N, C-alpha and C. Protein backbone atom coordinates (compact mmCIF):
# COMPACT_ATOMS: atom_id res chain seq x y z
N MET A 1 21.71 -31.58 12.37
CA MET A 1 21.84 -30.17 12.67
C MET A 1 22.18 -29.39 11.40
N ALA A 2 22.89 -30.01 10.47
CA ALA A 2 23.27 -29.32 9.24
C ALA A 2 22.05 -29.00 8.39
N VAL A 3 21.06 -29.87 8.41
CA VAL A 3 19.83 -29.63 7.64
C VAL A 3 19.10 -28.42 8.21
N PHE A 4 19.04 -28.30 9.53
CA PHE A 4 18.39 -27.16 10.17
C PHE A 4 19.10 -25.86 9.79
N GLU A 5 20.44 -25.86 9.80
CA GLU A 5 21.20 -24.67 9.43
C GLU A 5 20.99 -24.31 7.97
N PHE A 6 20.89 -25.32 7.11
CA PHE A 6 20.65 -25.08 5.70
C PHE A 6 19.28 -24.44 5.48
N ILE A 7 18.26 -24.99 6.13
CA ILE A 7 16.90 -24.45 6.01
C ILE A 7 16.86 -23.03 6.57
N LEU A 8 17.51 -22.80 7.68
CA LEU A 8 17.56 -21.47 8.29
C LEU A 8 18.24 -20.47 7.34
N ALA A 9 19.31 -20.88 6.67
CA ALA A 9 19.99 -20.01 5.72
C ALA A 9 19.10 -19.68 4.52
N ILE A 10 18.39 -20.68 4.02
CA ILE A 10 17.48 -20.46 2.89
C ILE A 10 16.38 -19.48 3.29
N VAL A 11 15.77 -19.68 4.46
CA VAL A 11 14.70 -18.79 4.93
C VAL A 11 15.25 -17.37 5.10
N ALA A 12 16.44 -17.23 5.64
CA ALA A 12 17.04 -15.90 5.83
C ALA A 12 17.27 -15.22 4.48
N MET A 13 17.73 -15.96 3.48
CA MET A 13 17.95 -15.38 2.16
C MET A 13 16.63 -14.96 1.52
N VAL A 14 15.60 -15.78 1.67
CA VAL A 14 14.31 -15.45 1.09
C VAL A 14 13.75 -14.19 1.74
N PHE A 15 13.75 -14.13 3.07
CA PHE A 15 13.23 -12.94 3.75
C PHE A 15 14.07 -11.70 3.44
N GLY A 16 15.37 -11.87 3.33
CA GLY A 16 16.23 -10.75 2.95
C GLY A 16 15.91 -10.24 1.56
N SER A 17 15.68 -11.16 0.64
CA SER A 17 15.34 -10.76 -0.73
C SER A 17 13.99 -10.05 -0.78
N ILE A 18 13.02 -10.56 -0.04
CA ILE A 18 11.70 -9.93 0.00
C ILE A 18 11.80 -8.53 0.60
N THR A 19 12.56 -8.39 1.68
CA THR A 19 12.72 -7.09 2.30
C THR A 19 13.38 -6.11 1.35
N LEU A 20 14.42 -6.53 0.66
CA LEU A 20 15.10 -5.67 -0.30
C LEU A 20 14.16 -5.28 -1.44
N TRP A 21 13.39 -6.23 -1.93
CA TRP A 21 12.45 -5.98 -3.01
C TRP A 21 11.41 -4.95 -2.60
N ILE A 22 10.84 -5.10 -1.40
CA ILE A 22 9.85 -4.13 -0.91
C ILE A 22 10.49 -2.76 -0.76
N PHE A 23 11.69 -2.69 -0.20
CA PHE A 23 12.37 -1.42 -0.02
C PHE A 23 12.60 -0.72 -1.36
N LEU A 24 13.05 -1.46 -2.35
CA LEU A 24 13.30 -0.87 -3.66
C LEU A 24 12.02 -0.42 -4.33
N LEU A 25 10.93 -1.16 -4.17
CA LEU A 25 9.66 -0.74 -4.75
C LEU A 25 9.16 0.55 -4.11
N ARG A 26 9.28 0.65 -2.79
CA ARG A 26 8.84 1.86 -2.11
C ARG A 26 9.70 3.05 -2.49
N LYS A 27 10.99 2.84 -2.62
CA LYS A 27 11.90 3.92 -2.98
C LYS A 27 11.65 4.38 -4.41
N GLY A 28 11.24 3.45 -5.26
CA GLY A 28 11.00 3.77 -6.66
C GLY A 28 9.72 4.53 -6.92
N LYS A 29 8.82 4.57 -5.96
CA LYS A 29 7.57 5.29 -6.17
C LYS A 29 7.85 6.78 -6.28
N ARG A 30 7.17 7.40 -7.19
CA ARG A 30 7.37 8.83 -7.39
C ARG A 30 6.57 9.61 -6.36
N SER A 31 7.15 10.66 -5.89
CA SER A 31 6.44 11.53 -4.96
C SER A 31 6.02 12.80 -5.70
N VAL A 32 5.03 13.46 -5.16
CA VAL A 32 4.55 14.70 -5.76
C VAL A 32 5.55 15.80 -5.44
N ARG A 33 5.98 16.47 -6.47
CA ARG A 33 6.95 17.54 -6.29
C ARG A 33 6.27 18.89 -6.51
N ILE A 34 6.66 19.87 -5.74
CA ILE A 34 6.17 21.23 -5.92
C ILE A 34 7.14 21.94 -6.85
N GLU A 35 6.60 22.53 -7.89
CA GLU A 35 7.43 23.27 -8.83
C GLU A 35 7.92 24.55 -8.15
N PRO A 36 8.99 25.15 -8.67
CA PRO A 36 9.53 26.37 -8.05
C PRO A 36 8.50 27.50 -7.92
N ASP A 37 7.53 27.54 -8.82
CA ASP A 37 6.54 28.61 -8.74
C ASP A 37 5.36 28.22 -7.83
N GLY A 38 5.48 27.09 -7.13
CA GLY A 38 4.47 26.69 -6.15
C GLY A 38 3.33 25.87 -6.74
N LYS A 39 3.42 25.50 -8.00
CA LYS A 39 2.37 24.72 -8.64
C LYS A 39 2.72 23.23 -8.61
N TYR A 40 1.70 22.41 -8.55
CA TYR A 40 1.89 20.97 -8.57
C TYR A 40 1.81 20.46 -10.01
N ASN A 41 2.48 19.37 -10.27
CA ASN A 41 2.37 18.71 -11.56
C ASN A 41 1.02 18.00 -11.60
N MET A 42 0.15 18.44 -12.48
CA MET A 42 -1.21 17.91 -12.52
C MET A 42 -1.27 16.43 -12.91
N ASP A 43 -0.34 15.98 -13.74
CA ASP A 43 -0.32 14.56 -14.10
C ASP A 43 -0.02 13.69 -12.88
N GLU A 44 0.94 14.14 -12.05
CA GLU A 44 1.27 13.39 -10.85
C GLU A 44 0.10 13.40 -9.87
N LEU A 45 -0.55 14.54 -9.71
CA LEU A 45 -1.70 14.62 -8.81
C LEU A 45 -2.85 13.74 -9.30
N SER A 46 -3.05 13.72 -10.60
CA SER A 46 -4.11 12.88 -11.17
C SER A 46 -3.82 11.40 -10.94
N ALA A 47 -2.57 11.00 -11.14
CA ALA A 47 -2.18 9.61 -10.91
C ALA A 47 -2.33 9.24 -9.44
N MET A 48 -1.96 10.17 -8.55
CA MET A 48 -2.10 9.91 -7.12
C MET A 48 -3.57 9.78 -6.73
N ALA A 49 -4.42 10.64 -7.28
CA ALA A 49 -5.85 10.57 -6.99
C ALA A 49 -6.43 9.25 -7.47
N GLN A 50 -6.03 8.79 -8.65
CA GLN A 50 -6.51 7.51 -9.18
C GLN A 50 -6.07 6.36 -8.29
N SER A 51 -4.82 6.40 -7.83
CA SER A 51 -4.29 5.36 -6.95
C SER A 51 -5.06 5.33 -5.63
N LEU A 52 -5.32 6.50 -5.07
CA LEU A 52 -6.08 6.57 -3.81
C LEU A 52 -7.51 6.07 -3.99
N THR A 53 -8.12 6.40 -5.12
CA THR A 53 -9.47 5.92 -5.40
C THR A 53 -9.50 4.39 -5.47
N GLU A 54 -8.50 3.81 -6.12
CA GLU A 54 -8.43 2.34 -6.21
C GLU A 54 -8.24 1.73 -4.82
N ARG A 55 -7.42 2.34 -3.99
CA ARG A 55 -7.20 1.83 -2.63
C ARG A 55 -8.48 1.89 -1.81
N ILE A 56 -9.21 3.00 -1.93
CA ILE A 56 -10.46 3.14 -1.19
C ILE A 56 -11.45 2.07 -1.65
N ASP A 57 -11.54 1.84 -2.96
CA ASP A 57 -12.44 0.81 -3.48
C ASP A 57 -12.09 -0.57 -2.92
N ILE A 58 -10.79 -0.87 -2.86
CA ILE A 58 -10.36 -2.16 -2.32
C ILE A 58 -10.71 -2.27 -0.85
N LEU A 59 -10.44 -1.21 -0.08
CA LEU A 59 -10.77 -1.23 1.35
C LEU A 59 -12.27 -1.39 1.58
N GLU A 60 -13.08 -0.70 0.78
CA GLU A 60 -14.53 -0.83 0.92
C GLU A 60 -15.00 -2.24 0.58
N SER A 61 -14.39 -2.86 -0.42
CA SER A 61 -14.79 -4.23 -0.77
C SER A 61 -14.41 -5.20 0.34
N ILE A 62 -13.26 -4.97 0.99
CA ILE A 62 -12.87 -5.81 2.12
C ILE A 62 -13.85 -5.62 3.27
N LEU A 63 -14.18 -4.38 3.56
CA LEU A 63 -15.15 -4.11 4.63
C LEU A 63 -16.51 -4.72 4.31
N ASP A 64 -16.95 -4.62 3.06
CA ASP A 64 -18.23 -5.22 2.67
C ASP A 64 -18.24 -6.73 2.93
N ALA A 65 -17.10 -7.38 2.68
CA ALA A 65 -17.02 -8.82 2.88
C ALA A 65 -16.93 -9.19 4.36
N GLU A 66 -16.19 -8.40 5.13
CA GLU A 66 -15.95 -8.72 6.54
C GLU A 66 -17.05 -8.20 7.47
N VAL A 67 -17.54 -6.99 7.20
CA VAL A 67 -18.55 -6.36 8.06
C VAL A 67 -19.65 -5.83 7.13
N PRO A 68 -20.61 -6.69 6.75
CA PRO A 68 -21.60 -6.31 5.74
C PRO A 68 -22.38 -5.03 6.04
N ASP A 69 -22.65 -4.72 7.30
CA ASP A 69 -23.46 -3.54 7.60
C ASP A 69 -22.63 -2.36 8.09
N TRP A 70 -21.36 -2.28 7.69
CA TRP A 70 -20.50 -1.20 8.17
C TRP A 70 -20.96 0.16 7.66
N ARG A 71 -21.54 0.20 6.48
CA ARG A 71 -22.00 1.50 5.94
C ARG A 71 -23.15 2.06 6.78
N GLU A 72 -24.10 1.20 7.14
CA GLU A 72 -25.23 1.64 7.96
C GLU A 72 -24.77 2.07 9.34
N GLN A 73 -23.83 1.32 9.92
CA GLN A 73 -23.29 1.68 11.23
C GLN A 73 -22.59 3.03 11.18
N ASN A 74 -21.87 3.29 10.11
CA ASN A 74 -21.14 4.54 9.98
C ASN A 74 -22.08 5.72 9.78
N GLU A 75 -23.16 5.53 9.00
CA GLU A 75 -24.12 6.61 8.77
C GLU A 75 -24.86 6.98 10.04
N HIS A 76 -25.25 5.99 10.84
CA HIS A 76 -25.98 6.27 12.07
C HIS A 76 -25.09 6.92 13.12
N GLY A 77 -23.79 6.67 13.06
CA GLY A 77 -22.87 7.22 14.04
C GLY A 77 -22.65 8.71 13.87
N HIS A 78 -22.91 9.26 12.66
CA HIS A 78 -22.65 10.67 12.42
C HIS A 78 -23.91 11.52 12.48
N GLU A 79 -25.04 10.91 12.72
CA GLU A 79 -26.29 11.69 12.74
C GLU A 79 -26.55 12.27 14.10
């Protein structure tokens, strides 16, 4: 029974560390701030646009691998 408790403690510590790590990474991400005069910081917007473009490319590559004809299905659905 002691071995089971030891393994359970190790697994709990690992999952706790992973959860903390993910939380800190999410908290550390910069958000887009509006300047007092209502303008956005263009460098932050540019970085956000680049990040979103990369995410879209990754999602499209996953879809291409999993559902090869998803583009054709999507085009015919909107006509």
